[in-house]
Amino acid sequence: MRDTGTDAPQQTEIYVEASSADSELARNISAAVVSFTVTAGVASLALQVLRQALRRRSQDSGSDVR
């Protein structure tokens, strides 16, 4: 019976280590999602600017680009 009491902290210690690894994985995934979102936002903004520039250029030359 006494051995069972000493096993519990070891199990808890293993659980904490697994939890720490899970937390690190969650942080890495979260950082990747944020990075992807920012990159997609910048790319979208760049495409909008390019589209507007092409539209202005086509209006200056008389053709219609959509």
N, C-alpha and C. Protein backbone atom coordinates (compact mmCIF):
# COMPACT_ATOMS: atom_id res chain seq x y z
N MET A 1 0.82 -1.19 0.00
CA MET A 1 0.00 0.00 0.00
C MET A 1 0.87 1.26 0.00
N ARG A 2 1.97 1.19 0.66
CA ARG A 2 2.84 2.35 0.75
C ARG A 2 3.45 2.67 -0.62
N ASP A 3 3.72 1.67 -1.45
CA ASP A 3 4.29 1.90 -2.78
C ASP A 3 3.32 2.67 -3.68
N THR A 4 2.05 2.43 -3.52
CA THR A 4 1.05 3.13 -4.33
C THR A 4 1.14 4.64 -4.10
N GLY A 5 1.39 5.04 -2.88
CA GLY A 5 1.51 6.47 -2.56
C GLY A 5 2.71 7.10 -3.24
N THR A 6 3.81 6.37 -3.38
CA THR A 6 5.00 6.93 -4.02
C THR A 6 4.88 6.89 -5.54
N ASP A 7 4.02 6.02 -6.08
CA ASP A 7 3.83 5.96 -7.53
C ASP A 7 3.03 7.16 -8.04
N ALA A 8 2.12 7.66 -7.24
CA ALA A 8 1.24 8.74 -7.70
C ALA A 8 2.01 10.00 -8.11
N PRO A 9 2.98 10.48 -7.33
CA PRO A 9 3.71 11.67 -7.77
C PRO A 9 4.48 11.43 -9.08
N GLN A 10 4.99 10.23 -9.28
CA GLN A 10 5.70 9.94 -10.52
C GLN A 10 4.74 10.01 -11.70
N GLN A 11 3.55 9.48 -11.53
CA GLN A 11 2.56 9.55 -12.60
C GLN A 11 2.17 11.00 -12.88
N THR A 12 2.02 11.76 -11.83
CA THR A 12 1.69 13.18 -11.99
C THR A 12 2.81 13.90 -12.71
N GLU A 13 4.05 13.56 -12.38
CA GLU A 13 5.20 14.19 -13.01
C GLU A 13 5.22 13.89 -14.51
N ILE A 14 4.95 12.66 -14.88
CA ILE A 14 4.89 12.28 -16.30
C ILE A 14 3.76 13.04 -16.99
N TYR A 15 2.64 13.17 -16.31
CA TYR A 15 1.49 13.88 -16.89
C TYR A 15 1.84 15.35 -17.13
N VAL A 16 2.54 15.96 -16.19
CA VAL A 16 2.92 17.36 -16.33
C VAL A 16 3.85 17.54 -17.51
N GLU A 17 4.79 16.61 -17.70
CA GLU A 17 5.71 16.70 -18.83
C GLU A 17 4.94 16.58 -20.15
N ALA A 18 3.99 15.65 -20.22
CA ALA A 18 3.19 15.50 -21.43
C ALA A 18 2.36 16.76 -21.66
N SER A 19 1.83 17.32 -20.59
CA SER A 19 1.02 18.53 -20.69
C SER A 19 1.88 19.69 -21.19
N SER A 20 3.11 19.76 -20.73
CA SER A 20 4.02 20.81 -21.17
C SER A 20 4.32 20.68 -22.65
N ALA A 21 4.53 19.44 -23.11
CA ALA A 21 4.78 19.21 -24.54
C ALA A 21 3.55 19.57 -25.36
N ASP A 22 2.38 19.24 -24.84
CA ASP A 22 1.13 19.59 -25.53
C ASP A 22 0.97 21.11 -25.60
N SER A 23 1.32 21.80 -24.53
CA SER A 23 1.23 23.26 -24.51
C SER A 23 2.17 23.87 -25.53
N GLU A 24 3.37 23.32 -25.62
CA GLU A 24 4.34 23.83 -26.59
C GLU A 24 3.85 23.59 -28.01
N LEU A 25 3.28 22.41 -28.25
CA LEU A 25 2.72 22.11 -29.57
C LEU A 25 1.58 23.07 -29.90
N ALA A 26 0.72 23.32 -28.93
CA ALA A 26 -0.39 24.25 -29.13
C ALA A 26 0.12 25.65 -29.44
N ARG A 27 1.17 26.09 -28.74
CA ARG A 27 1.75 27.41 -29.01
C ARG A 27 2.34 27.46 -30.41
N ASN A 28 3.02 26.40 -30.82
CA ASN A 28 3.61 26.36 -32.16
C ASN A 28 2.53 26.40 -33.24
N ILE A 29 1.46 25.65 -33.03
CA ILE A 29 0.35 25.65 -33.99
C ILE A 29 -0.28 27.04 -34.04
N SER A 30 -0.48 27.64 -32.89
CA SER A 30 -1.07 28.98 -32.83
C SER A 30 -0.19 29.99 -33.55
N ALA A 31 1.11 29.91 -33.35
CA ALA A 31 2.04 30.83 -34.02
C ALA A 31 2.00 30.62 -35.53
N ALA A 32 1.90 29.37 -35.96
CA ALA A 32 1.84 29.07 -37.39
C ALA A 32 0.55 29.63 -38.00
N VAL A 33 -0.55 29.51 -37.28
CA VAL A 33 -1.83 30.03 -37.77
C VAL A 33 -1.77 31.56 -37.89
N VAL A 34 -1.21 32.21 -36.88
CA VAL A 34 -1.07 33.67 -36.92
C VAL A 34 -0.19 34.08 -38.08
N SER A 35 0.93 33.39 -38.25
CA SER A 35 1.85 33.70 -39.35
C SER A 35 1.16 33.53 -40.70
N PHE A 36 0.43 32.44 -40.86
CA PHE A 36 -0.29 32.19 -42.11
C PHE A 36 -1.33 33.28 -42.36
N THR A 37 -2.06 33.65 -41.31
CA THR A 37 -3.10 34.67 -41.45
C THR A 37 -2.50 36.01 -41.86
N VAL A 38 -1.39 36.38 -41.24
CA VAL A 38 -0.73 37.65 -41.58
C VAL A 38 -0.23 37.60 -43.01
N THR A 39 0.40 36.49 -43.39
CA THR A 39 0.91 36.35 -44.76
C THR A 39 -0.23 36.42 -45.77
N ALA A 40 -1.33 35.76 -45.49
CA ALA A 40 -2.48 35.79 -46.39
C ALA A 40 -3.05 37.20 -46.48
N GLY A 41 -3.09 37.91 -45.38
CA GLY A 41 -3.58 39.29 -45.38
C GLY A 41 -2.71 40.21 -46.21
N VAL A 42 -1.40 40.06 -46.06
CA VAL A 42 -0.47 40.88 -46.84
C VAL A 42 -0.58 40.56 -48.32
N ALA A 43 -0.69 39.28 -48.65
CA ALA A 43 -0.83 38.88 -50.05
C ALA A 43 -2.13 39.43 -50.64
N SER A 44 -3.20 39.37 -49.87
CA SER A 44 -4.49 39.89 -50.33
C SER A 44 -4.41 41.40 -50.57
N LEU A 45 -3.77 42.10 -49.66
CA LEU A 45 -3.61 43.54 -49.82
C LEU A 45 -2.77 43.86 -51.05
N ALA A 46 -1.70 43.12 -51.26
CA ALA A 46 -0.84 43.33 -52.43
C ALA A 46 -1.62 43.08 -53.72
N LEU A 47 -2.45 42.05 -53.74
CA LEU A 47 -3.26 41.78 -54.93
C LEU A 47 -4.28 42.89 -55.19
N GLN A 48 -4.86 43.43 -54.13
CA GLN A 48 -5.81 44.53 -54.30
C GLN A 48 -5.12 45.76 -54.88
N VAL A 49 -3.94 46.06 -54.38
CA VAL A 49 -3.18 47.21 -54.88
C VAL A 49 -2.82 47.00 -56.34
N LEU A 50 -2.37 45.79 -56.67
CA LEU A 50 -2.02 45.48 -58.06
C LEU A 50 -3.25 45.58 -58.97
N ARG A 51 -4.37 45.05 -58.49
CA ARG A 51 -5.61 45.11 -59.27
C ARG A 51 -6.03 46.56 -59.54
N GLN A 52 -5.93 47.41 -58.51
CA GLN A 52 -6.28 48.82 -58.68
C GLN A 52 -5.33 49.50 -59.66
N ALA A 53 -4.05 49.19 -59.56
CA ALA A 53 -3.07 49.79 -60.47
C ALA A 53 -3.36 49.37 -61.91
N LEU A 54 -3.69 48.11 -62.11
CA LEU A 54 -4.01 47.64 -63.46
C LEU A 54 -5.29 48.28 -63.98
N ARG A 55 -6.26 48.46 -63.09
CA ARG A 55 -7.51 49.09 -63.48
C ARG A 55 -7.28 50.53 -63.91
N ARG A 56 -6.48 51.26 -63.13
CA ARG A 56 -6.17 52.65 -63.48
C ARG A 56 -5.42 52.72 -64.80
N ARG A 57 -4.47 51.81 -64.97
CA ARG A 57 -3.67 51.80 -66.19
C ARG A 57 -4.55 51.51 -67.40
N SER A 58 -5.48 50.55 -67.24
CA SER A 58 -6.35 50.20 -68.36
C SER A 58 -7.33 51.33 -68.67
N GLN A 59 -7.77 52.05 -67.64
CA GLN A 59 -8.67 53.18 -67.87
C GLN A 59 -7.94 54.30 -68.60
N ASP A 60 -6.67 54.48 -68.28
CA ASP A 60 -5.87 55.51 -68.96
C ASP A 60 -5.69 55.17 -70.44
N SER A 61 -5.56 53.87 -70.74
CA SER A 61 -5.34 53.47 -72.13
C SER A 61 -6.66 53.22 -72.88
N GLY A 62 -7.78 53.21 -72.16
CA GLY A 62 -9.07 53.08 -72.81
C GLY A 62 -9.65 51.69 -72.83
N SER A 63 -8.94 50.67 -72.36
CA SER A 63 -9.50 49.31 -72.33
C SER A 63 -10.09 49.04 -70.95
N ASP A 64 -10.84 47.95 -70.82
CA ASP A 64 -11.52 47.62 -69.57
C ASP A 64 -11.01 46.29 -69.04
N VAL A 65 -10.31 46.32 -67.90
CA VAL A 65 -9.81 45.09 -67.26
C VAL A 65 -10.52 44.93 -65.93
N ARG A 66 -11.05 43.74 -65.67
CA ARG A 66 -11.73 43.49 -64.39
C ARG A 66 -11.02 42.43 -63.67
